Protein backbone atom coordinates (compact mmCIF):
# COMPACT_ATOMS: atom_id res chain seq x y z
CA MET A 1 10.64 0.82 -24.06
CA ALA A 2 9.40 3.25 -21.53
CA ARG A 3 5.71 3.99 -21.53
CA MET A 4 3.78 7.23 -21.64
CA ILE A 5 0.16 8.20 -21.08
CA ASN A 6 -1.73 9.59 -24.05
CA GLN A 7 -3.52 12.56 -22.50
CA GLU A 8 -6.18 12.59 -25.21
CA ARG A 9 -7.26 9.07 -24.24
CA CYS A 10 -6.67 9.21 -20.47
CA ILE A 11 -9.88 9.41 -18.44
CA GLN A 12 -8.04 10.36 -15.22
CA CYS A 13 -9.33 7.34 -13.32
CA GLY A 14 -6.08 6.73 -11.42
CA ALA A 15 -6.05 2.96 -11.97
CA CYS A 16 -2.43 3.19 -13.11
CA LEU A 17 -1.05 4.83 -9.94
CA PRO A 18 -0.84 1.73 -7.73
CA ALA A 19 -0.01 -0.50 -10.72
CA CYS A 20 3.59 0.68 -11.07
CA PRO A 21 6.10 -1.31 -8.97
CA ASN A 22 8.60 1.57 -9.27
CA GLN A 23 6.14 4.31 -8.28
CA GLY A 24 6.85 5.90 -11.64
CA ILE A 25 3.37 7.26 -12.27
CA GLU A 26 2.22 10.51 -10.74
CA GLU A 27 -0.75 12.81 -10.93
CA VAL A 28 -0.05 16.49 -11.43
CA ASP A 29 -2.88 18.98 -11.83
CA GLY A 30 -5.35 16.21 -12.67
CA ARG A 31 -3.16 14.64 -15.34
CA TYR A 32 -1.29 11.37 -15.02
CA ARG A 33 2.23 10.94 -16.32
CA ILE A 34 4.87 8.23 -16.36
CA ASP A 35 8.40 9.21 -15.41
CA SER A 36 10.53 7.65 -18.15
CA ASN A 37 13.47 7.49 -15.72
CA LEU A 38 11.45 5.11 -13.55
CA CYS A 39 9.73 3.02 -16.22
CA THR A 40 11.16 -0.49 -16.58
CA GLU A 41 8.14 -1.96 -18.38
CA CYS A 42 7.60 -3.79 -15.07
CA PHE A 43 10.71 -5.89 -15.79
CA GLY A 44 11.05 -8.59 -13.16
CA PHE A 45 7.63 -7.93 -11.67
CA TYR A 46 5.06 -8.68 -14.37
CA ALA A 47 5.15 -10.36 -17.77
CA ASP A 48 3.80 -7.19 -19.38
CA SER A 49 3.54 -3.55 -18.36
CA ASN A 50 1.03 -3.52 -15.52
CA CYS A 51 -0.15 0.02 -16.28
CA VAL A 52 -1.22 -1.16 -19.73
CA ALA A 53 -3.11 -4.07 -18.20
CA VAL A 54 -5.10 -1.93 -15.76
CA CYS A 55 -5.86 1.07 -17.99
CA PRO A 56 -9.54 0.95 -19.01
CA ALA A 57 -9.02 3.61 -21.70
CA ASP A 58 -6.02 2.08 -23.49
CA ALA A 59 -4.18 5.35 -22.86
CA VAL A 60 -0.76 3.87 -22.09
CA GLU A 61 1.54 3.79 -25.11
CA PHE A 62 5.21 3.30 -25.90
CA ALA A 63 7.28 6.44 -25.39
CA PRO A 64 9.07 7.43 -28.60
CA ASN A 65 12.58 7.59 -27.11
CA GLY A 66 12.36 5.15 -24.23
CA VAL A 67 14.68 2.34 -23.22
CA THR A 68 14.42 -0.47 -25.74
CA GLU A 69 16.75 -3.32 -24.78
CA GLU A 70 15.89 -5.92 -22.15
CA ASP A 71 19.36 -5.69 -20.58
CA GLU A 72 18.88 -1.92 -20.18
CA LEU A 73 15.51 -2.52 -18.52
CA ALA A 74 17.09 -5.10 -16.22
CA SER A 75 19.90 -2.72 -15.28
CA LEU A 76 17.47 0.13 -14.57
CA ALA A 77 15.25 -2.19 -12.52
CA ALA A 78 18.27 -3.27 -10.42
CA GLN A 79 19.25 0.36 -9.84
CA LEU A 80 15.75 1.39 -8.83
CA ARG A 81 14.92 -1.64 -6.71
CA PRO A 82 18.10 -3.20 -5.28
CA ASP A 83 15.89 -4.88 -2.67
CA ALA A 84 14.11 -6.82 -5.41
CA PHE A 85 17.13 -7.34 -7.67
CA PRO A 86 20.22 -7.92 -5.51
CA ARG A 87 23.50 -7.94 -7.35
CA ASP A 88 25.81 -10.92 -7.02
């Protein structure tokens, strides 16, 4: 599943920005957001979502309509990072 940042919990610390291997987190007008088109749950990079691991406020949650299947996450990861996931 893609992740999202709960704005009510987020303390705007920015710890999540460098945590995303797909550069899918951005800060706009002092609020952090995860681009669901770039979120692969850190598939192929970390065992768990890195943004969740680094967030001191537990503000990162599952997005309600995000990608859910591992093969979909793998496909998206390969599209976003062909350098890290070369196709045979």
